[in-house]
Amino acid sequence: MNTDVGQITFLDSASVTKAELETLTFYRAVSARIPTPPDATTLDQMNIVEVSGALDFWNDPQEDVYDETDGDAV
C-alpha cells in the first residue's frame, strides 16, 4: 500500500522491493532540488492574453453588432 500525505509517503515494507525504495529515494532527493517559478501575477496574465492575439476578434467590424439605439436608457 502506498499512501501520499503531502510530501510524506508511507510504504508497506512487504510490498516494496529494495530497488523500488532506492529509486523512490533518489527521485525524492532530485525533485526536492528543482526550483519552481512563482505563479504569474494578474498583470503578467493580462499581458500574456493581450499580446497573444486572443482578443483581436473584437477589432473585427462584424463584432460591432450594437449601436446607441439598442437597449433601454439608464
N, C-alpha and C. Protein backbone atom coordinates (compact mmCIF):
# COMPACT_ATOMS: atom_id res chain seq x y z
N MET A 1 0.85 -1.18 0.00
CA MET A 1 0.00 0.00 0.00
C MET A 1 0.89 1.24 0.00
N ASN A 2 0.56 2.21 -0.84
CA ASN A 2 1.32 3.45 -0.96
C ASN A 2 0.36 4.60 -0.70
N THR A 3 0.58 5.34 0.37
CA THR A 3 -0.30 6.45 0.71
C THR A 3 0.53 7.73 0.79
N ASP A 4 0.20 8.74 -0.04
CA ASP A 4 0.89 10.03 -0.01
C ASP A 4 0.14 11.00 0.88
N VAL A 5 0.86 11.64 1.77
CA VAL A 5 0.30 12.69 2.61
C VAL A 5 1.24 13.89 2.46
N GLY A 6 0.88 14.82 1.56
CA GLY A 6 1.77 15.95 1.31
C GLY A 6 3.08 15.47 0.74
N GLN A 7 4.18 15.71 1.43
CA GLN A 7 5.50 15.28 0.99
C GLN A 7 5.92 13.97 1.65
N ILE A 8 5.09 13.44 2.54
CA ILE A 8 5.44 12.21 3.26
C ILE A 8 4.74 11.03 2.59
N THR A 9 5.49 9.97 2.32
CA THR A 9 4.92 8.78 1.72
C THR A 9 5.07 7.61 2.68
N PHE A 10 3.98 6.93 2.97
CA PHE A 10 4.01 5.75 3.81
C PHE A 10 3.95 4.52 2.90
N LEU A 11 4.94 3.66 3.00
CA LEU A 11 5.01 2.47 2.16
C LEU A 11 4.85 1.22 3.02
N ASP A 12 4.16 0.25 2.48
CA ASP A 12 4.06 -1.05 3.12
C ASP A 12 5.35 -1.79 2.79
N SER A 13 6.18 -2.03 3.79
CA SER A 13 7.51 -2.60 3.55
C SER A 13 7.46 -3.99 2.91
N ALA A 14 6.36 -4.69 3.06
CA ALA A 14 6.26 -6.03 2.48
C ALA A 14 6.05 -5.97 0.96
N SER A 15 5.52 -4.85 0.44
CA SER A 15 5.22 -4.78 -0.98
C SER A 15 6.24 -3.96 -1.78
N VAL A 16 7.28 -3.45 -1.13
CA VAL A 16 8.27 -2.61 -1.80
C VAL A 16 9.60 -3.33 -1.86
N THR A 17 10.15 -3.40 -3.07
CA THR A 17 11.46 -4.03 -3.21
C THR A 17 12.54 -3.01 -2.87
N LYS A 18 13.76 -3.48 -2.67
CA LYS A 18 14.87 -2.60 -2.36
C LYS A 18 15.13 -1.65 -3.52
N ALA A 19 15.02 -2.14 -4.76
CA ALA A 19 15.25 -1.30 -5.94
C ALA A 19 14.20 -0.18 -6.03
N GLU A 20 12.94 -0.52 -5.75
CA GLU A 20 11.87 0.49 -5.78
C GLU A 20 12.12 1.56 -4.72
N LEU A 21 12.55 1.14 -3.53
CA LEU A 21 12.82 2.08 -2.45
C LEU A 21 13.99 2.99 -2.81
N GLU A 22 15.04 2.43 -3.39
CA GLU A 22 16.18 3.25 -3.80
C GLU A 22 15.79 4.23 -4.90
N THR A 23 14.98 3.80 -5.85
CA THR A 23 14.52 4.68 -6.92
C THR A 23 13.66 5.81 -6.36
N LEU A 24 12.74 5.48 -5.47
CA LEU A 24 11.88 6.48 -4.86
C LEU A 24 12.70 7.49 -4.05
N THR A 25 13.68 7.00 -3.30
CA THR A 25 14.53 7.88 -2.50
C THR A 25 15.32 8.82 -3.40
N PHE A 26 15.88 8.31 -4.50
CA PHE A 26 16.64 9.15 -5.44
C PHE A 26 15.72 10.18 -6.07
N TYR A 27 14.54 9.77 -6.50
CA TYR A 27 13.58 10.68 -7.12
C TYR A 27 13.22 11.81 -6.16
N ARG A 28 12.93 11.48 -4.93
CA ARG A 28 12.56 12.49 -3.94
C ARG A 28 13.71 13.48 -3.71
N ALA A 29 14.94 12.98 -3.66
CA ALA A 29 16.09 13.86 -3.43
C ALA A 29 16.29 14.82 -4.60
N VAL A 30 16.17 14.33 -5.82
CA VAL A 30 16.35 15.16 -7.00
C VAL A 30 15.21 16.15 -7.14
N SER A 31 13.97 15.71 -6.99
CA SER A 31 12.82 16.59 -7.18
C SER A 31 12.77 17.67 -6.10
N ALA A 32 13.33 17.44 -4.95
CA ALA A 32 13.34 18.44 -3.89
C ALA A 32 14.29 19.58 -4.22
N ARG A 33 15.22 19.36 -5.16
CA ARG A 33 16.20 20.39 -5.50
C ARG A 33 15.84 21.18 -6.75
N ILE A 34 14.78 20.81 -7.45
CA ILE A 34 14.38 21.51 -8.67
C ILE A 34 13.53 22.71 -8.28
N PRO A 35 14.03 23.94 -8.57
CA PRO A 35 13.23 25.12 -8.20
C PRO A 35 12.03 25.28 -9.12
N THR A 36 10.95 25.76 -8.57
CA THR A 36 9.76 26.02 -9.38
C THR A 36 9.53 27.52 -9.41
N PRO A 37 9.19 28.07 -10.58
CA PRO A 37 8.96 29.51 -10.66
C PRO A 37 7.68 29.89 -9.92
N PRO A 38 7.62 31.13 -9.46
CA PRO A 38 6.38 31.57 -8.81
C PRO A 38 5.26 31.69 -9.83
N ASP A 39 4.03 31.67 -9.36
CA ASP A 39 2.88 31.83 -10.26
C ASP A 39 2.92 33.21 -10.88
N ALA A 40 2.41 33.30 -12.10
CA ALA A 40 2.34 34.59 -12.79
C ALA A 40 1.37 35.51 -12.05
N THR A 41 1.72 36.77 -11.97
CA THR A 41 0.84 37.74 -11.33
C THR A 41 -0.34 38.02 -12.25
N THR A 42 -1.35 38.68 -11.72
CA THR A 42 -2.52 39.05 -12.52
C THR A 42 -2.10 39.92 -13.70
N LEU A 43 -1.20 40.87 -13.45
CA LEU A 43 -0.73 41.74 -14.53
C LEU A 43 0.01 40.94 -15.60
N ASP A 44 0.82 39.98 -15.18
CA ASP A 44 1.52 39.11 -16.14
C ASP A 44 0.51 38.36 -17.01
N GLN A 45 -0.52 37.81 -16.38
CA GLN A 45 -1.53 37.06 -17.12
C GLN A 45 -2.28 37.96 -18.10
N MET A 46 -2.60 39.18 -17.68
CA MET A 46 -3.30 40.11 -18.57
C MET A 46 -2.42 40.47 -19.77
N ASN A 47 -1.13 40.67 -19.53
CA ASN A 47 -0.21 40.98 -20.63
C ASN A 47 -0.08 39.82 -21.60
N ILE A 48 -0.05 38.60 -21.08
CA ILE A 48 0.04 37.42 -21.95
C ILE A 48 -1.18 37.33 -22.85
N VAL A 49 -2.37 37.53 -22.29
CA VAL A 49 -3.60 37.49 -23.09
C VAL A 49 -3.59 38.59 -24.14
N GLU A 50 -3.14 39.78 -23.76
CA GLU A 50 -3.14 40.91 -24.69
C GLU A 50 -2.21 40.67 -25.87
N VAL A 51 -1.00 40.19 -25.62
CA VAL A 51 -0.05 40.00 -26.72
C VAL A 51 -0.29 38.72 -27.50
N SER A 52 -1.10 37.81 -26.96
CA SER A 52 -1.35 36.54 -27.65
C SER A 52 -2.25 36.69 -28.86
N GLY A 53 -3.02 37.77 -28.91
CA GLY A 53 -3.95 37.96 -30.02
C GLY A 53 -5.29 37.29 -29.78
N ALA A 54 -5.51 36.74 -28.60
CA ALA A 54 -6.75 36.03 -28.31
C ALA A 54 -7.97 36.95 -28.33
N LEU A 55 -7.76 38.25 -28.14
CA LEU A 55 -8.88 39.19 -28.10
C LEU A 55 -8.96 40.04 -29.37
N ASP A 56 -8.16 39.72 -30.36
CA ASP A 56 -8.15 40.51 -31.60
C ASP A 56 -9.48 40.48 -32.35
N PHE A 57 -10.29 39.47 -32.11
CA PHE A 57 -11.57 39.37 -32.82
C PHE A 57 -12.47 40.58 -32.50
N TRP A 58 -12.25 41.25 -31.37
CA TRP A 58 -13.07 42.41 -31.02
C TRP A 58 -12.83 43.57 -31.99
N ASN A 59 -11.70 43.58 -32.69
CA ASN A 59 -11.41 44.65 -33.65
C ASN A 59 -12.13 44.44 -34.98
N ASP A 60 -12.74 43.29 -35.18
CA ASP A 60 -13.45 42.98 -36.41
C ASP A 60 -14.76 43.78 -36.45
N PRO A 61 -15.01 44.54 -37.53
CA PRO A 61 -16.25 45.33 -37.61
C PRO A 61 -17.52 44.48 -37.49
N GLN A 62 -17.48 43.22 -37.86
CA GLN A 62 -18.66 42.35 -37.76
C GLN A 62 -19.03 42.06 -36.31
N GLU A 63 -18.09 42.26 -35.39
CA GLU A 63 -18.38 42.04 -33.97
C GLU A 63 -19.14 43.22 -33.36
N ASP A 64 -19.16 44.36 -34.03
CA ASP A 64 -19.83 45.56 -33.52
C ASP A 64 -21.31 45.51 -33.94
N VAL A 65 -22.08 44.73 -33.21
CA VAL A 65 -23.48 44.49 -33.60
C VAL A 65 -24.46 45.40 -32.85
N TYR A 66 -23.97 46.17 -31.91
CA TYR A 66 -24.86 47.05 -31.15
C TYR A 66 -24.56 48.51 -31.49
N ASP A 67 -25.57 49.37 -31.33
CA ASP A 67 -25.37 50.80 -31.50
C ASP A 67 -26.09 51.55 -30.38
N GLU A 68 -26.11 52.88 -30.47
CA GLU A 68 -26.68 53.71 -29.41
C GLU A 68 -28.17 53.49 -29.20
N THR A 69 -28.88 52.98 -30.22
CA THR A 69 -30.32 52.81 -30.11
C THR A 69 -30.73 51.49 -29.47
N ASP A 70 -29.78 50.59 -29.24
CA ASP A 70 -30.07 49.30 -28.62
C ASP A 70 -30.23 49.44 -27.11
N GLY A 71 -31.15 48.69 -26.55
CA GLY A 71 -31.31 48.65 -25.11
C GLY A 71 -32.13 49.79 -24.55
N ASP A 72 -32.27 49.81 -23.23
CA ASP A 72 -33.04 50.84 -22.53
C ASP A 72 -32.09 51.89 -21.98
N ALA A 73 -32.57 53.11 -21.92
CA ALA A 73 -31.78 54.19 -21.34
C ALA A 73 -31.58 53.94 -19.84
N VAL A 74 -30.43 54.30 -19.36
CA VAL A 74 -30.12 54.08 -17.93
C VAL A 74 -30.35 55.35 -17.16
